[in-house]
Amino acid sequence: MAAATTVFWDNGGVILTNGWDRNGRRAVVDNFSLDWEDFADRHELMLNAFETGHATLDEYLQRVIFYRSRPFTPDDVKKFIFNLSQPLPESFEYFKKLAATKRYAMLALNNESREINEHRIRTFNLRKYFEAFLCSCYLGVRKPDEKIYRMALSLTQCPPDECVFVDDRGLNLEIPKELGMHTIQFKNVAQMREDLARYGVTAD
């Protein structure tokens, strides 16, 4: 087995909290006293456009929340959403140690809207650690669509058997595995460290 030279990372649920998941949406609904069913229906209709760069955060909020008058502003909601993003301390620290070795190409491969993604890049100084951000909002396609993984391999020109992809969701790992990439479903830091070491990726 070839030693891994490239590690693709899902950010949310692995090194950071999720940027805009069900729990985050529920927190917004509760904080701003919105109707969950209405919000959820509108979110589903906007999600693909939002995460593939075809709808801005302002456009998303207009369709999902501000289609009628509210006693709060879009900026209030955006601030709340951005504050949901936090590091997962143990895994983020290990991720930074791996990046510091300079032995592996480190690339983000995640589903995220442009504004939330770029907030997270700035806030957590992710440019220091990642060589590129292969995000759905830039590539125009979301995991688990096969196209995003093929694009990642084409853009990096890395042989699949030299790639490892770490994600917390099993569905997002099925196609990369079929394409010949090594895959790790993140559960905890100790398990991730052990699985990475199996492919020759260590911080030692």
N, C-alpha and C. Protein backbone atom coordinates (compact mmCIF):
# COMPACT_ATOMS: atom_id res chain seq x y z
N MET A 1 0.84 -1.20 0.00
CA MET A 1 0.00 0.00 0.00
C MET A 1 0.87 1.25 0.00
N ALA A 2 0.59 2.16 -0.93
CA ALA A 2 1.35 3.41 -1.01
C ALA A 2 1.07 4.28 0.21
N ALA A 3 2.13 4.93 0.71
CA ALA A 3 1.94 5.85 1.83
C ALA A 3 1.15 7.07 1.35
N ALA A 4 0.28 7.56 2.19
CA ALA A 4 -0.55 8.72 1.80
C ALA A 4 0.30 9.98 1.72
N THR A 5 0.06 10.76 0.70
CA THR A 5 0.75 12.04 0.54
C THR A 5 -0.22 13.22 0.65
N THR A 6 -1.53 12.93 0.57
CA THR A 6 -2.54 13.98 0.54
C THR A 6 -3.69 13.60 1.47
N VAL A 7 -4.09 14.57 2.29
CA VAL A 7 -5.21 14.34 3.20
C VAL A 7 -6.30 15.38 2.91
N PHE A 8 -7.47 14.88 2.55
CA PHE A 8 -8.65 15.74 2.38
C PHE A 8 -9.45 15.73 3.68
N TRP A 9 -9.90 16.91 4.07
CA TRP A 9 -10.61 17.04 5.34
C TRP A 9 -12.00 17.64 5.14
N ASP A 10 -12.98 16.97 5.72
CA ASP A 10 -14.24 17.65 5.98
C ASP A 10 -14.00 18.49 7.23
N ASN A 11 -14.44 19.73 7.24
CA ASN A 11 -14.18 20.60 8.39
C ASN A 11 -15.21 20.42 9.49
N GLY A 12 -16.48 20.62 9.15
CA GLY A 12 -17.54 20.54 10.15
C GLY A 12 -17.74 19.12 10.66
N GLY A 13 -17.66 18.97 11.98
CA GLY A 13 -17.81 17.66 12.59
C GLY A 13 -16.51 16.91 12.73
N VAL A 14 -15.41 17.49 12.21
CA VAL A 14 -14.09 16.85 12.31
C VAL A 14 -13.12 17.76 13.07
N ILE A 15 -12.85 18.94 12.53
CA ILE A 15 -11.95 19.86 13.24
C ILE A 15 -12.69 21.08 13.80
N LEU A 16 -13.86 21.35 13.25
CA LEU A 16 -14.71 22.45 13.74
C LEU A 16 -16.12 21.91 13.95
N THR A 17 -16.91 22.65 14.72
CA THR A 17 -18.34 22.33 14.76
C THR A 17 -18.92 22.54 13.36
N ASN A 18 -20.05 21.97 13.10
CA ASN A 18 -20.69 22.17 11.81
C ASN A 18 -21.08 23.64 11.65
N GLY A 19 -20.93 24.15 10.43
CA GLY A 19 -21.22 25.55 10.20
C GLY A 19 -22.69 25.87 10.16
N TRP A 20 -23.52 24.95 9.62
CA TRP A 20 -24.95 25.24 9.49
C TRP A 20 -25.71 23.93 9.40
N ASP A 21 -25.72 23.19 10.51
CA ASP A 21 -26.38 21.90 10.53
C ASP A 21 -27.75 22.01 11.20
N ARG A 22 -28.40 20.88 11.38
CA ARG A 22 -29.75 20.87 11.96
C ARG A 22 -29.77 21.51 13.35
N ASN A 23 -28.74 21.20 14.16
CA ASN A 23 -28.70 21.77 15.51
C ASN A 23 -28.55 23.29 15.46
N GLY A 24 -27.71 23.78 14.54
CA GLY A 24 -27.55 25.22 14.39
C GLY A 24 -28.82 25.88 13.92
N ARG A 25 -29.50 25.24 12.98
CA ARG A 25 -30.76 25.80 12.49
C ARG A 25 -31.82 25.82 13.58
N ARG A 26 -31.85 24.76 14.37
CA ARG A 26 -32.79 24.72 15.49
C ARG A 26 -32.48 25.84 16.49
N ALA A 27 -31.20 26.11 16.73
CA ALA A 27 -30.83 27.19 17.65
C ALA A 27 -31.30 28.54 17.14
N VAL A 28 -31.18 28.77 15.82
CA VAL A 28 -31.66 30.02 15.23
C VAL A 28 -33.17 30.13 15.37
N VAL A 29 -33.87 29.06 15.06
CA VAL A 29 -35.33 29.05 15.16
C VAL A 29 -35.77 29.37 16.59
N ASP A 30 -35.12 28.74 17.57
CA ASP A 30 -35.50 28.96 18.96
C ASP A 30 -35.15 30.38 19.41
N ASN A 31 -33.95 30.84 19.02
CA ASN A 31 -33.50 32.15 19.48
C ASN A 31 -34.37 33.29 18.93
N PHE A 32 -34.80 33.13 17.67
CA PHE A 32 -35.57 34.19 17.03
C PHE A 32 -37.07 33.89 16.95
N SER A 33 -37.49 32.85 17.68
CA SER A 33 -38.92 32.50 17.78
C SER A 33 -39.57 32.32 16.41
N LEU A 34 -38.94 31.48 15.59
CA LEU A 34 -39.46 31.19 14.25
C LEU A 34 -40.28 29.89 14.29
N ASP A 35 -41.02 29.67 13.23
CA ASP A 35 -41.77 28.42 13.09
C ASP A 35 -40.86 27.37 12.44
N TRP A 36 -40.61 26.27 13.15
CA TRP A 36 -39.65 25.28 12.68
C TRP A 36 -40.08 24.64 11.36
N GLU A 37 -41.31 24.23 11.25
CA GLU A 37 -41.75 23.53 10.05
C GLU A 37 -41.63 24.43 8.82
N ASP A 38 -42.03 25.65 8.95
CA ASP A 38 -41.93 26.59 7.83
C ASP A 38 -40.47 26.84 7.47
N PHE A 39 -39.66 27.05 8.50
CA PHE A 39 -38.23 27.28 8.28
C PHE A 39 -37.59 26.08 7.59
N ALA A 40 -37.87 24.88 8.11
CA ALA A 40 -37.26 23.66 7.56
C ALA A 40 -37.65 23.44 6.10
N ASP A 41 -38.91 23.67 5.77
CA ASP A 41 -39.36 23.50 4.38
C ASP A 41 -38.62 24.47 3.46
N ARG A 42 -38.54 25.71 3.86
CA ARG A 42 -37.87 26.72 3.04
C ARG A 42 -36.37 26.45 2.94
N HIS A 43 -35.78 25.99 4.03
CA HIS A 43 -34.34 25.65 4.02
C HIS A 43 -34.05 24.56 2.99
N GLU A 44 -34.86 23.51 2.98
CA GLU A 44 -34.64 22.40 2.05
C GLU A 44 -34.70 22.87 0.61
N LEU A 45 -35.61 23.79 0.32
CA LEU A 45 -35.74 24.30 -1.04
C LEU A 45 -34.55 25.14 -1.46
N MET A 46 -33.89 25.77 -0.50
CA MET A 46 -32.77 26.67 -0.80
C MET A 46 -31.40 26.03 -0.61
N LEU A 47 -31.34 24.87 0.04
CA LEU A 47 -30.06 24.32 0.48
C LEU A 47 -29.07 24.11 -0.66
N ASN A 48 -29.50 23.47 -1.74
CA ASN A 48 -28.53 23.17 -2.80
C ASN A 48 -27.95 24.44 -3.42
N ALA A 49 -28.81 25.40 -3.70
CA ALA A 49 -28.33 26.67 -4.26
C ALA A 49 -27.41 27.38 -3.28
N PHE A 50 -27.74 27.33 -2.01
CA PHE A 50 -26.96 27.99 -0.96
C PHE A 50 -25.56 27.39 -0.86
N GLU A 51 -25.47 26.05 -0.86
CA GLU A 51 -24.17 25.41 -0.64
C GLU A 51 -23.37 25.21 -1.93
N THR A 52 -23.96 25.48 -3.08
CA THR A 52 -23.19 25.36 -4.32
C THR A 52 -22.86 26.73 -4.92
N GLY A 53 -23.04 27.78 -4.13
CA GLY A 53 -22.62 29.11 -4.56
C GLY A 53 -23.58 29.83 -5.47
N HIS A 54 -24.81 29.32 -5.61
CA HIS A 54 -25.78 29.96 -6.49
C HIS A 54 -26.74 30.88 -5.75
N ALA A 55 -26.65 30.89 -4.43
CA ALA A 55 -27.44 31.82 -3.62
C ALA A 55 -26.54 32.33 -2.50
N THR A 56 -26.52 33.63 -2.31
CA THR A 56 -25.73 34.22 -1.24
C THR A 56 -26.43 34.00 0.10
N LEU A 57 -25.72 34.30 1.18
CA LEU A 57 -26.32 34.19 2.50
C LEU A 57 -27.50 35.15 2.62
N ASP A 58 -27.36 36.35 2.08
CA ASP A 58 -28.46 37.31 2.13
C ASP A 58 -29.68 36.78 1.36
N GLU A 59 -29.45 36.18 0.19
CA GLU A 59 -30.56 35.63 -0.59
C GLU A 59 -31.21 34.46 0.13
N TYR A 60 -30.40 33.61 0.71
CA TYR A 60 -30.91 32.48 1.49
C TYR A 60 -31.79 32.97 2.64
N LEU A 61 -31.29 33.93 3.41
CA LEU A 61 -32.06 34.44 4.55
C LEU A 61 -33.34 35.14 4.10
N GLN A 62 -33.28 35.81 2.96
CA GLN A 62 -34.48 36.47 2.43
C GLN A 62 -35.57 35.44 2.15
N ARG A 63 -35.21 34.32 1.55
CA ARG A 63 -36.19 33.30 1.19
C ARG A 63 -36.65 32.47 2.40
N VAL A 64 -35.74 32.25 3.34
CA VAL A 64 -36.04 31.34 4.44
C VAL A 64 -36.66 32.05 5.65
N ILE A 65 -36.24 33.30 5.90
CA ILE A 65 -36.70 34.02 7.09
C ILE A 65 -37.37 35.35 6.77
N PHE A 66 -36.74 36.15 5.91
CA PHE A 66 -37.16 37.54 5.75
C PHE A 66 -38.11 37.75 4.55
N TYR A 67 -38.86 36.70 4.21
CA TYR A 67 -39.91 36.84 3.20
C TYR A 67 -41.08 37.64 3.76
N ARG A 68 -41.05 37.89 5.08
CA ARG A 68 -42.02 38.78 5.70
C ARG A 68 -41.32 39.60 6.78
N SER A 69 -41.97 40.61 7.27
CA SER A 69 -41.37 41.50 8.25
C SER A 69 -41.04 40.76 9.54
N ARG A 70 -39.87 41.10 10.11
CA ARG A 70 -39.43 40.49 11.36
C ARG A 70 -38.98 41.59 12.33
N PRO A 71 -39.04 41.33 13.64
CA PRO A 71 -38.59 42.32 14.62
C PRO A 71 -37.08 42.30 14.85
N PHE A 72 -36.34 41.71 13.93
CA PHE A 72 -34.88 41.65 14.00
C PHE A 72 -34.36 41.75 12.59
N THR A 73 -33.05 41.90 12.43
CA THR A 73 -32.48 42.16 11.11
C THR A 73 -31.69 40.97 10.58
N PRO A 74 -31.42 40.95 9.28
CA PRO A 74 -30.54 39.91 8.73
C PRO A 74 -29.17 39.90 9.41
N ASP A 75 -28.65 41.08 9.76
CA ASP A 75 -27.35 41.12 10.43
C ASP A 75 -27.40 40.44 11.79
N ASP A 76 -28.52 40.55 12.49
CA ASP A 76 -28.67 39.85 13.77
C ASP A 76 -28.56 38.34 13.57
N VAL A 77 -29.21 37.86 12.53
CA VAL A 77 -29.19 36.42 12.27
C VAL A 77 -27.80 35.97 11.81
N LYS A 78 -27.18 36.74 10.94
CA LYS A 78 -25.84 36.37 10.46
C LYS A 78 -24.84 36.30 11.61
N LYS A 79 -24.90 37.26 12.51
CA LYS A 79 -23.99 37.25 13.66
C LYS A 79 -24.21 35.99 14.49
N PHE A 80 -25.46 35.63 14.69
CA PHE A 80 -25.78 34.42 15.46
C PHE A 80 -25.23 33.18 14.75
N ILE A 81 -25.44 33.11 13.43
CA ILE A 81 -24.96 31.96 12.66
C ILE A 81 -23.44 31.85 12.73
N PHE A 82 -22.75 32.95 12.51
CA PHE A 82 -21.28 32.92 12.53
C PHE A 82 -20.76 32.48 13.90
N ASN A 83 -21.44 32.89 14.96
CA ASN A 83 -20.98 32.54 16.30
C ASN A 83 -21.18 31.07 16.64
N LEU A 84 -21.95 30.36 15.81
CA LEU A 84 -22.13 28.92 16.02
C LEU A 84 -20.84 28.14 15.75
N SER A 85 -19.99 28.68 14.90
CA SER A 85 -18.76 27.98 14.52
C SER A 85 -17.72 28.05 15.63
N GLN A 86 -17.28 26.89 16.08
CA GLN A 86 -16.27 26.81 17.13
C GLN A 86 -15.31 25.67 16.79
N PRO A 87 -14.07 25.73 17.27
CA PRO A 87 -13.16 24.61 17.04
C PRO A 87 -13.53 23.42 17.91
N LEU A 88 -13.23 22.22 17.43
CA LEU A 88 -13.27 21.02 18.26
C LEU A 88 -11.84 20.84 18.77
N PRO A 89 -11.58 21.27 20.01
CA PRO A 89 -10.19 21.50 20.46
C PRO A 89 -9.20 20.37 20.21
N GLU A 90 -9.54 19.14 20.61
CA GLU A 90 -8.58 18.04 20.49
C GLU A 90 -8.24 17.73 19.04
N SER A 91 -9.26 17.59 18.22
CA SER A 91 -9.00 17.23 16.82
C SER A 91 -8.37 18.39 16.06
N PHE A 92 -8.75 19.62 16.39
CA PHE A 92 -8.15 20.77 15.72
C PHE A 92 -6.66 20.87 16.06
N GLU A 93 -6.31 20.60 17.30
CA GLU A 93 -4.90 20.65 17.69
C GLU A 93 -4.10 19.56 16.97
N TYR A 94 -4.67 18.37 16.85
CA TYR A 94 -3.94 17.31 16.15
C TYR A 94 -3.82 17.63 14.67
N PHE A 95 -4.88 18.15 14.10
CA PHE A 95 -4.84 18.59 12.70
C PHE A 95 -3.72 19.61 12.47
N LYS A 96 -3.57 20.56 13.38
CA LYS A 96 -2.52 21.58 13.24
C LYS A 96 -1.13 20.95 13.36
N LYS A 97 -0.99 19.95 14.20
CA LYS A 97 0.31 19.26 14.33
C LYS A 97 0.65 18.53 13.03
N LEU A 98 -0.34 17.90 12.43
CA LEU A 98 -0.10 17.23 11.15
C LEU A 98 0.32 18.23 10.09
N ALA A 99 -0.38 19.36 10.04
CA ALA A 99 -0.05 20.39 9.04
C ALA A 99 1.36 20.91 9.25
N ALA A 100 1.77 21.03 10.51
CA ALA A 100 3.09 21.59 10.83
C ALA A 100 4.23 20.70 10.36
N THR A 101 3.97 19.41 10.13
CA THR A 101 5.04 18.53 9.66
C THR A 101 5.44 18.85 8.23
N LYS A 102 4.52 19.44 7.46
CA LYS A 102 4.75 19.77 6.05
C LYS A 102 5.01 18.53 5.20
N ARG A 103 4.61 17.37 5.70
CA ARG A 103 4.84 16.13 4.95
C ARG A 103 3.68 15.76 4.04
N TYR A 104 2.53 16.37 4.28
CA TYR A 104 1.32 15.98 3.56
C TYR A 104 0.64 17.21 2.96
N ALA A 105 0.08 17.03 1.78
CA ALA A 105 -0.78 18.08 1.24
C ALA A 105 -2.10 18.03 2.00
N MET A 106 -2.49 19.16 2.56
CA MET A 106 -3.70 19.24 3.38
C MET A 106 -4.73 20.07 2.62
N LEU A 107 -5.89 19.48 2.33
CA LEU A 107 -6.90 20.17 1.54
C LEU A 107 -8.28 20.01 2.18
N ALA A 108 -9.03 21.11 2.22
CA ALA A 108 -10.41 21.04 2.70
C ALA A 108 -11.30 20.53 1.57
N LEU A 109 -12.20 19.63 1.91
CA LEU A 109 -13.18 19.11 0.96
C LEU A 109 -14.52 19.07 1.69
N ASN A 110 -15.26 20.16 1.59
CA ASN A 110 -16.44 20.31 2.45
C ASN A 110 -17.62 20.93 1.72
N ASN A 111 -18.79 20.68 2.28
CA ASN A 111 -20.02 21.34 1.84
C ASN A 111 -20.24 22.56 2.72
N GLU A 112 -20.27 23.73 2.11
CA GLU A 112 -20.51 24.95 2.89
C GLU A 112 -20.88 26.08 1.97
N SER A 113 -21.68 27.01 2.49
CA SER A 113 -21.97 28.23 1.75
C SER A 113 -20.74 29.13 1.78
N ARG A 114 -20.66 30.05 0.81
CA ARG A 114 -19.47 30.89 0.67
C ARG A 114 -19.21 31.73 1.93
N GLU A 115 -20.24 32.43 2.41
CA GLU A 115 -20.01 33.36 3.52
C GLU A 115 -19.64 32.64 4.81
N ILE A 116 -20.30 31.53 5.10
CA ILE A 116 -19.96 30.79 6.31
C ILE A 116 -18.58 30.17 6.17
N ASN A 117 -18.28 29.61 5.00
CA ASN A 117 -16.97 29.01 4.77
C ASN A 117 -15.85 30.05 4.96
N GLU A 118 -16.03 31.22 4.38
CA GLU A 118 -14.97 32.23 4.44
C GLU A 118 -14.86 32.84 5.83
N HIS A 119 -15.97 32.91 6.57
CA HIS A 119 -15.90 33.32 7.97
C HIS A 119 -15.04 32.33 8.76
N ARG A 120 -15.24 31.06 8.53
CA ARG A 120 -14.49 30.04 9.25
C ARG A 120 -13.01 30.05 8.86
N ILE A 121 -12.73 30.27 7.59
CA ILE A 121 -11.33 30.36 7.15
C ILE A 121 -10.62 31.50 7.86
N ARG A 122 -11.27 32.66 7.91
CA ARG A 122 -10.66 33.83 8.57
C ARG A 122 -10.56 33.63 10.08
N THR A 123 -11.64 33.21 10.70
CA THR A 123 -11.70 33.14 12.16
C THR A 123 -10.71 32.15 12.73
N PHE A 124 -10.53 31.03 12.06
CA PHE A 124 -9.67 29.97 12.57
C PHE A 124 -8.35 29.88 11.81
N ASN A 125 -8.05 30.91 11.01
CA ASN A 125 -6.77 31.02 10.31
C ASN A 125 -6.46 29.75 9.51
N LEU A 126 -7.47 29.24 8.81
CA LEU A 126 -7.30 27.96 8.12
C LEU A 126 -6.36 28.04 6.92
N ARG A 127 -6.14 29.23 6.39
CA ARG A 127 -5.18 29.37 5.29
C ARG A 127 -3.78 28.94 5.72
N LYS A 128 -3.51 29.01 6.99
CA LYS A 128 -2.19 28.62 7.50
C LYS A 128 -1.97 27.12 7.36
N TYR A 129 -3.06 26.36 7.32
CA TYR A 129 -2.95 24.90 7.37
C TYR A 129 -3.33 24.20 6.06
N PHE A 130 -4.28 24.78 5.33
CA PHE A 130 -4.74 24.14 4.10
C PHE A 130 -4.05 24.74 2.88
N GLU A 131 -3.73 23.88 1.92
CA GLU A 131 -3.17 24.36 0.66
C GLU A 131 -4.26 24.84 -0.29
N ALA A 132 -5.46 24.31 -0.14
CA ALA A 132 -6.58 24.72 -1.00
C ALA A 132 -7.89 24.37 -0.33
N PHE A 133 -8.94 25.07 -0.76
CA PHE A 133 -10.27 24.86 -0.20
C PHE A 133 -11.21 24.39 -1.31
N LEU A 134 -11.42 23.08 -1.37
CA LEU A 134 -12.27 22.48 -2.39
C LEU A 134 -13.68 22.39 -1.82
N CYS A 135 -14.31 23.54 -1.74
CA CYS A 135 -15.61 23.65 -1.08
C CYS A 135 -16.74 23.62 -2.12
N SER A 136 -17.87 23.10 -1.72
CA SER A 136 -19.02 23.02 -2.62
C SER A 136 -19.40 24.38 -3.19
N CYS A 137 -19.23 25.44 -2.40
CA CYS A 137 -19.62 26.77 -2.88
C CYS A 137 -18.73 27.27 -4.01
N TYR A 138 -17.52 26.73 -4.13
CA TYR A 138 -16.61 27.10 -5.22
C TYR A 138 -16.70 26.13 -6.40
N LEU A 139 -16.92 24.86 -6.09
CA LEU A 139 -16.93 23.83 -7.14
C LEU A 139 -18.30 23.65 -7.76
N GLY A 140 -19.35 24.15 -7.11
CA GLY A 140 -20.70 24.07 -7.68
C GLY A 140 -21.35 22.71 -7.56
N VAL A 141 -20.82 21.87 -6.70
CA VAL A 141 -21.37 20.53 -6.50
C VAL A 141 -21.09 20.12 -5.06
N ARG A 142 -21.99 19.32 -4.48
CA ARG A 142 -21.91 18.96 -3.08
C ARG A 142 -21.60 17.48 -2.89
N LYS A 143 -20.92 17.16 -1.80
CA LYS A 143 -20.84 15.77 -1.36
C LYS A 143 -22.26 15.31 -1.03
N PRO A 144 -22.65 14.07 -1.33
CA PRO A 144 -21.80 12.97 -1.81
C PRO A 144 -21.83 12.75 -3.32
N ASP A 145 -22.09 13.78 -4.11
CA ASP A 145 -22.07 13.64 -5.57
C ASP A 145 -20.68 13.20 -6.02
N GLU A 146 -20.62 12.19 -6.86
CA GLU A 146 -19.33 11.66 -7.32
C GLU A 146 -18.47 12.74 -7.97
N LYS A 147 -19.09 13.71 -8.61
CA LYS A 147 -18.34 14.72 -9.35
C LYS A 147 -17.38 15.50 -8.46
N ILE A 148 -17.76 15.79 -7.21
CA ILE A 148 -16.90 16.60 -6.36
C ILE A 148 -15.61 15.85 -6.02
N TYR A 149 -15.70 14.54 -5.86
CA TYR A 149 -14.50 13.75 -5.54
C TYR A 149 -13.60 13.62 -6.77
N ARG A 150 -14.21 13.45 -7.94
CA ARG A 150 -13.40 13.39 -9.16
C ARG A 150 -12.72 14.74 -9.42
N MET A 151 -13.42 15.82 -9.13
CA MET A 151 -12.81 17.15 -9.27
C MET A 151 -11.65 17.31 -8.31
N ALA A 152 -11.80 16.84 -7.09
CA ALA A 152 -10.73 16.94 -6.10
C ALA A 152 -9.49 16.19 -6.56
N LEU A 153 -9.68 14.99 -7.11
CA LEU A 153 -8.55 14.22 -7.60
C LEU A 153 -7.91 14.88 -8.82
N SER A 154 -8.73 15.45 -9.69
CA SER A 154 -8.20 16.11 -10.88
C SER A 154 -7.43 17.37 -10.51
N LEU A 155 -7.99 18.15 -9.60
CA LEU A 155 -7.34 19.41 -9.23
C LEU A 155 -6.03 19.21 -8.49
N THR A 156 -5.94 18.12 -7.73
CA THR A 156 -4.69 17.85 -6.99
C THR A 156 -3.73 16.98 -7.78
N GLN A 157 -4.25 16.26 -8.79
CA GLN A 157 -3.43 15.31 -9.56
C GLN A 157 -2.71 14.33 -8.64
N CYS A 158 -3.42 13.91 -7.61
CA CYS A 158 -2.87 12.93 -6.67
C CYS A 158 -3.51 11.58 -6.94
N PRO A 159 -2.72 10.50 -7.06
CA PRO A 159 -3.31 9.17 -7.26
C PRO A 159 -4.24 8.82 -6.10
N PRO A 160 -5.39 8.24 -6.38
CA PRO A 160 -6.34 7.93 -5.30
C PRO A 160 -5.73 7.14 -4.16
N ASP A 161 -4.82 6.18 -4.47
CA ASP A 161 -4.28 5.36 -3.40
C ASP A 161 -3.27 6.09 -2.53
N GLU A 162 -2.98 7.35 -2.85
CA GLU A 162 -2.12 8.18 -2.00
C GLU A 162 -2.93 9.23 -1.25
N CYS A 163 -4.27 9.13 -1.35
CA CYS A 163 -5.16 10.10 -0.71
C CYS A 163 -5.90 9.47 0.46
N VAL A 164 -6.08 10.26 1.49
CA VAL A 164 -6.95 9.89 2.61
C VAL A 164 -8.02 10.97 2.73
N PHE A 165 -9.26 10.57 2.91
CA PHE A 165 -10.34 11.53 3.12
C PHE A 165 -10.98 11.26 4.48
N VAL A 166 -11.02 12.30 5.31
CA VAL A 166 -11.59 12.20 6.66
C VAL A 166 -12.91 12.96 6.70
N ASP A 167 -13.98 12.26 7.07
CA ASP A 167 -15.31 12.88 7.15
C ASP A 167 -16.05 12.21 8.30
N ASP A 168 -16.97 12.93 8.91
CA ASP A 168 -17.74 12.33 10.01
C ASP A 168 -18.97 11.58 9.53
N ARG A 169 -19.31 11.70 8.25
CA ARG A 169 -20.51 11.06 7.72
C ARG A 169 -20.15 9.92 6.78
N GLY A 170 -20.66 8.75 7.10
CA GLY A 170 -20.33 7.58 6.31
C GLY A 170 -20.73 7.69 4.86
N LEU A 171 -21.89 8.29 4.58
CA LEU A 171 -22.36 8.42 3.20
C LEU A 171 -21.37 9.19 2.35
N ASN A 172 -20.72 10.18 2.92
CA ASN A 172 -19.75 10.99 2.16
C ASN A 172 -18.47 10.23 1.85
N LEU A 173 -18.29 9.06 2.45
CA LEU A 173 -17.05 8.29 2.27
C LEU A 173 -17.22 7.15 1.27
N GLU A 174 -18.44 6.82 0.92
CA GLU A 174 -18.66 5.63 0.08
C GLU A 174 -18.07 5.80 -1.32
N ILE A 175 -18.35 6.90 -1.98
CA ILE A 175 -17.84 7.09 -3.35
C ILE A 175 -16.32 7.27 -3.37
N PRO A 176 -15.74 8.08 -2.47
CA PRO A 176 -14.26 8.16 -2.46
C PRO A 176 -13.60 6.79 -2.34
N LYS A 177 -14.18 5.93 -1.50
CA LYS A 177 -13.62 4.58 -1.35
C LYS A 177 -13.73 3.80 -2.65
N GLU A 178 -14.87 3.94 -3.34
CA GLU A 178 -15.04 3.26 -4.63
C GLU A 178 -14.06 3.78 -5.67
N LEU A 179 -13.65 5.04 -5.54
CA LEU A 179 -12.68 5.63 -6.47
C LEU A 179 -11.24 5.27 -6.13
N GLY A 180 -11.04 4.55 -5.04
CA GLY A 180 -9.70 4.09 -4.67
C GLY A 180 -9.03 4.91 -3.60
N MET A 181 -9.73 5.89 -3.03
CA MET A 181 -9.16 6.68 -1.95
C MET A 181 -9.29 5.92 -0.63
N HIS A 182 -8.36 6.19 0.28
CA HIS A 182 -8.51 5.69 1.64
C HIS A 182 -9.49 6.60 2.38
N THR A 183 -10.32 6.03 3.23
CA THR A 183 -11.33 6.82 3.91
C THR A 183 -11.32 6.55 5.41
N ILE A 184 -11.62 7.59 6.17
CA ILE A 184 -11.71 7.48 7.62
C ILE A 184 -12.98 8.20 8.07
N GLN A 185 -13.84 7.48 8.78
CA GLN A 185 -14.99 8.14 9.37
C GLN A 185 -14.61 8.60 10.77
N PHE A 186 -14.61 9.90 10.95
CA PHE A 186 -14.20 10.47 12.23
C PHE A 186 -15.22 10.18 13.31
N LYS A 187 -14.72 9.63 14.43
CA LYS A 187 -15.56 9.40 15.61
C LYS A 187 -14.98 10.11 16.82
N ASN A 188 -13.66 10.01 16.96
CA ASN A 188 -12.96 10.72 18.03
C ASN A 188 -11.50 10.86 17.64
N VAL A 189 -10.76 11.65 18.38
CA VAL A 189 -9.38 11.96 17.99
C VAL A 189 -8.48 10.73 18.04
N ALA A 190 -8.61 9.94 19.09
CA ALA A 190 -7.76 8.75 19.22
C ALA A 190 -7.97 7.80 18.04
N GLN A 191 -9.22 7.59 17.68
CA GLN A 191 -9.53 6.70 16.55
C GLN A 191 -9.00 7.29 15.25
N MET A 192 -9.17 8.60 15.06
CA MET A 192 -8.68 9.23 13.83
C MET A 192 -7.16 9.13 13.74
N ARG A 193 -6.48 9.40 14.84
CA ARG A 193 -5.01 9.33 14.85
C ARG A 193 -4.54 7.94 14.48
N GLU A 194 -5.19 6.92 15.05
CA GLU A 194 -4.81 5.54 14.77
C GLU A 194 -5.06 5.18 13.30
N ASP A 195 -6.20 5.60 12.78
CA ASP A 195 -6.54 5.29 11.39
C ASP A 195 -5.61 6.03 10.42
N LEU A 196 -5.29 7.27 10.71
CA LEU A 196 -4.35 8.02 9.87
C LEU A 196 -2.99 7.35 9.85
N ALA A 197 -2.54 6.90 11.02
CA ALA A 197 -1.22 6.25 11.11
C ALA A 197 -1.16 4.99 10.26
N ARG A 198 -2.30 4.33 10.11
CA ARG A 198 -2.37 3.12 9.28
C ARG A 198 -2.01 3.43 7.83
N TYR A 199 -2.23 4.68 7.42
CA TYR A 199 -1.89 5.09 6.05
C TYR A 199 -0.61 5.94 6.00
N GLY A 200 0.15 5.88 7.10
CA GLY A 200 1.44 6.56 7.11
C GLY A 200 1.38 8.03 7.42
N VAL A 201 0.22 8.49 7.95
CA VAL A 201 0.06 9.91 8.26
C VAL A 201 0.17 10.08 9.77
N THR A 202 1.27 10.67 10.21
CA THR A 202 1.49 10.86 11.65
C THR A 202 2.08 12.25 11.89
N ALA A 203 1.95 12.71 13.11
CA ALA A 203 2.51 14.01 13.50
C ALA A 203 3.86 13.85 14.19
N ASP A 204 4.35 12.62 14.28
CA ASP A 204 5.63 12.36 14.98
C ASP A 204 6.82 12.83 14.15
